[in-house]
Amino acid sequence: MKLWIATLSAMCAAACMQAESNNLKVVEEKGHLSPVAIQVTSLSGQTRNLMLIGIGSTIRDEYLTHQLTVRTDGGASSRTLWLDAIGAIRGTSSLRRLGDEFTIVLKDGREVSAMFAAWHDGIGGCSGEPTNEGFTCNVLFVRNEDDGVEKIELRKVKAVDFIGPVRKDKAGNAMYEPWRYSPFTGEKLP
């Protein structure tokens, strides 16, 4: 009986350590926070509040956590935008070709006409010209309120509104808006 209890305790401790290591932390890079809270509007008009943990492509399971790199000036230039400086992304559902443009609205109201960039080995991140649909950086890597990870293609949504930085508990764990208590620290959230 004691051996069974000891084994069960060890399994629970290992599971708790693994769960704690998977906690999504609020991270700062050069004064910018990630993840950010977003509201995604589907093509049917339904909205969901999610945490944006990064932007990447359908083929690669890598993503950029703090930035979105796009092509501007008709594809001639590359521009990197901090996720927490974006107010909204519009017009992605009407894109038909890799070179079609959509609109990024910055928090200060300025609009940027942009095209998607793509992953290319050796270039570093999502800064290349798309030549293959699967490497195009048009996928939101999000966590939902059930703490599950999803991939959402920008071309399959009507709009993305950036709400702002997510709340965090005293240990720096990212908290969803409906949560009233931190499941990690037990503290009551403001």
Protein backbone atom coordinates (compact mmCIF):
# COMPACT_ATOMS: atom_id res chain seq x y z
CA MET A 1 0.00 0.00 0.00
CA LYS A 2 2.83 2.42 0.90
CA LEU A 3 4.57 1.66 -2.39
CA TRP A 4 1.35 2.38 -4.30
CA ILE A 5 0.89 5.73 -2.49
CA ALA A 6 4.54 6.67 -3.10
CA THR A 7 4.22 5.81 -6.80
CA LEU A 8 1.00 7.82 -7.11
CA SER A 9 2.63 10.80 -5.33
CA ALA A 10 5.61 10.70 -7.68
CA MET A 11 3.32 10.59 -10.71
CA CYS A 12 1.29 13.55 -9.43
CA ALA A 13 4.45 15.55 -8.69
CA ALA A 14 5.80 14.84 -12.19
CA ALA A 15 2.50 15.87 -13.78
CA CYS A 16 2.39 19.08 -11.75
CA MET A 17 5.98 19.96 -12.72
CA GLN A 18 5.19 19.34 -16.39
CA ALA A 19 2.00 21.44 -16.19
CA GLU A 20 3.92 24.28 -14.53
CA SER A 21 6.58 24.22 -17.24
CA ASN A 22 3.83 24.63 -19.87
CA ASN A 23 2.45 27.78 -18.23
CA LEU A 24 2.37 30.61 -20.71
CA LYS A 25 4.40 33.49 -19.28
CA VAL A 26 4.07 37.16 -20.13
CA VAL A 27 7.43 38.06 -21.69
CA GLU A 28 8.89 41.47 -22.47
CA GLU A 29 11.22 42.09 -25.42
CA LYS A 30 12.57 45.59 -26.02
CA GLY A 31 9.65 47.09 -24.10
CA HIS A 32 6.98 45.07 -25.93
CA LEU A 33 4.82 42.41 -24.27
CA SER A 34 3.69 39.02 -25.53
CA PRO A 35 1.25 37.33 -25.58
CA VAL A 36 -1.48 39.81 -26.50
CA ALA A 37 -5.23 39.50 -26.15
CA ILE A 38 -7.13 39.45 -29.45
CA GLN A 39 -10.70 39.14 -30.66
CA VAL A 40 -11.06 37.07 -33.82
CA THR A 41 -14.16 37.56 -35.98
CA SER A 42 -14.93 34.52 -38.13
CA LEU A 43 -16.39 34.69 -41.63
CA SER A 44 -19.83 33.96 -40.10
CA GLY A 45 -19.48 36.97 -37.76
CA GLN A 46 -18.90 34.96 -34.57
CA THR A 47 -16.26 36.45 -32.25
CA ARG A 48 -13.81 34.73 -29.89
CA ASN A 49 -11.41 36.24 -27.38
CA LEU A 50 -8.04 34.49 -27.46
CA MET A 51 -4.38 34.95 -26.52
CA LEU A 52 -2.08 35.44 -29.49
CA ILE A 53 1.18 33.67 -28.68
CA GLY A 54 2.75 34.11 -32.12
CA ILE A 55 2.48 34.26 -35.90
CA GLY A 56 3.86 31.59 -38.23
CA SER A 57 2.91 29.29 -41.11
CA THR A 58 0.88 26.11 -41.61
CA ILE A 59 3.89 23.89 -42.35
CA ARG A 60 6.26 24.98 -39.58
CA ASP A 61 5.44 24.74 -35.89
CA GLU A 62 7.65 27.75 -35.20
CA TYR A 63 6.28 31.22 -34.70
CA LEU A 64 7.40 34.76 -33.89
CA THR A 65 6.17 35.73 -30.43
CA HIS A 66 6.48 39.52 -30.45
CA GLN A 67 6.44 40.57 -34.09
CA LEU A 68 4.67 40.34 -37.41
CA THR A 69 6.88 40.78 -40.47
CA VAL A 70 5.11 41.77 -43.68
CA ARG A 71 6.05 42.98 -47.14
CA THR A 72 5.07 46.56 -48.01
CA ASP A 73 5.48 48.96 -50.94
CA GLY A 74 4.02 46.43 -53.39
CA GLY A 75 6.28 43.70 -52.02
CA ALA A 76 9.52 45.68 -52.47
CA SER A 77 10.15 46.29 -48.75
CA SER A 78 9.96 44.29 -45.54
CA ARG A 79 8.51 45.78 -42.35
CA THR A 80 8.41 44.34 -38.85
CA LEU A 81 5.60 45.39 -36.50
CA TRP A 82 5.40 44.72 -32.76
CA LEU A 83 2.25 42.74 -31.99
CA ASP A 84 1.32 44.99 -29.06
CA ALA A 85 1.46 48.04 -31.42
CA ILE A 86 -1.17 46.60 -33.79
CA GLY A 87 -4.80 47.66 -33.38
CA ALA A 88 -6.42 45.44 -36.03
CA ILE A 89 -5.87 43.33 -39.13
CA ARG A 90 -8.51 43.66 -41.85
CA GLY A 91 -9.10 42.36 -45.36
CA THR A 92 -7.34 39.01 -45.13
CA SER A 93 -10.45 36.96 -45.97
CA SER A 94 -10.66 38.48 -49.47
CA LEU A 95 -7.08 37.56 -50.43
CA ARG A 96 -6.89 35.26 -53.45
CA ARG A 97 -3.18 35.32 -54.37
CA LEU A 98 0.03 35.44 -52.35
CA GLY A 99 0.69 39.00 -53.54
CA ASP A 100 -2.69 40.46 -52.57
CA GLU A 101 -2.72 43.23 -49.96
CA PHE A 102 -4.55 43.54 -46.64
CA THR A 103 -4.67 46.33 -44.05
CA ILE A 104 -2.97 46.54 -40.68
CA VAL A 105 -4.32 49.29 -38.43
CA LEU A 106 -1.80 50.41 -35.83
CA LYS A 107 -2.88 51.48 -32.34
CA ASP A 108 -2.13 55.12 -33.24
CA GLY A 109 -4.63 54.91 -36.14
CA ARG A 110 -2.13 54.75 -39.02
CA GLU A 111 -2.85 52.11 -41.67
CA VAL A 112 -0.29 49.91 -43.36
CA SER A 113 -1.01 48.15 -46.66
CA ALA A 114 0.78 44.83 -46.42
CA MET A 115 1.35 41.44 -48.02
CA PHE A 116 2.32 38.29 -46.19
CA ALA A 117 5.98 37.35 -45.86
CA ALA A 118 7.20 33.75 -45.64
CA TRP A 119 9.61 31.48 -43.78
CA HIS A 120 12.83 30.78 -45.61
CA ASP A 121 15.71 28.86 -44.06
CA GLY A 122 18.80 30.97 -43.65
CA ILE A 123 16.93 34.30 -43.74
CA GLY A 124 15.78 34.16 -40.15
CA GLY A 125 12.16 34.22 -39.21
CA CYS A 126 9.31 35.25 -41.39
CA SER A 127 10.99 37.72 -43.71
CA GLY A 128 11.11 36.14 -47.15
CA GLU A 129 8.97 36.40 -50.24
CA PRO A 130 6.26 33.72 -50.38
CA THR A 131 6.80 31.07 -53.03
CA ASN A 132 4.89 28.26 -51.33
CA GLU A 133 1.49 28.68 -49.70
CA GLY A 134 2.48 26.48 -46.73
CA PHE A 135 5.40 28.70 -45.68
CA THR A 136 3.42 31.95 -45.83
CA CYS A 137 3.28 33.61 -42.39
CA ASN A 138 -0.48 33.95 -42.15
CA VAL A 139 -1.24 31.69 -39.19
CA LEU A 140 -2.12 32.91 -35.71
CA PHE A 141 -0.88 30.58 -32.97
CA VAL A 142 -3.36 31.15 -30.15
CA ARG A 143 -4.34 29.78 -26.79
CA ASN A 144 -8.03 29.55 -26.06
CA GLU A 145 -9.80 29.86 -22.69
CA ASP A 146 -9.48 26.10 -22.19
CA ASP A 147 -5.68 26.63 -22.46
CA GLY A 148 -5.54 24.65 -25.70
CA VAL A 149 -3.31 25.73 -28.58
CA GLU A 150 -4.92 26.40 -31.97
CA LYS A 151 -3.73 27.57 -35.37
CA ILE A 152 -6.00 30.05 -37.16
CA GLU A 153 -5.29 31.09 -40.75
CA LEU A 154 -5.72 34.83 -41.22
CA ARG A 155 -7.22 34.26 -44.66
CA LYS A 156 -10.10 32.37 -43.01
CA VAL A 157 -11.21 35.17 -40.67
CA LYS A 158 -13.01 38.45 -41.25
CA ALA A 159 -10.98 40.52 -38.77
CA VAL A 160 -8.59 40.41 -35.84
CA ASP A 161 -8.82 43.15 -33.22
CA PHE A 162 -5.89 43.51 -30.84
CA ILE A 163 -7.24 44.20 -27.36
CA GLY A 164 -3.91 44.70 -25.58
CA PRO A 165 -1.53 42.89 -23.27
CA VAL A 166 -2.96 40.00 -21.27
CA ARG A 167 -3.30 40.05 -17.52
CA LYS A 168 -0.74 38.20 -15.46
CA ASP A 169 -0.52 36.79 -11.98
CA LYS A 170 2.28 37.60 -9.51
CA ALA A 171 4.41 34.78 -11.01
CA GLY A 172 4.10 36.27 -14.53
CA ASN A 173 1.73 33.59 -15.88
CA ALA A 174 -0.58 34.82 -18.64
CA MET A 175 -4.23 34.96 -17.50
CA TYR A 176 -7.41 34.85 -19.57
CA GLU A 177 -9.90 37.65 -19.04
CA PRO A 178 -12.70 35.47 -17.55
CA TRP A 179 -10.37 33.94 -14.95
CA ARG A 180 -10.99 35.46 -11.53
CA TYR A 181 -8.28 33.42 -9.76
CA SER A 182 -4.87 32.25 -10.93
CA PRO A 183 -4.84 28.45 -11.23
CA PHE A 184 -1.06 28.61 -10.71
CA THR A 185 -0.72 30.85 -7.64
CA GLY A 186 -4.27 30.80 -6.26
CA GLU A 187 -4.35 34.59 -6.02
CA LYS A 188 -7.45 36.63 -6.78
CA LEU A 189 -6.91 38.57 -9.99
CA PRO A 190 -7.85 42.25 -10.34
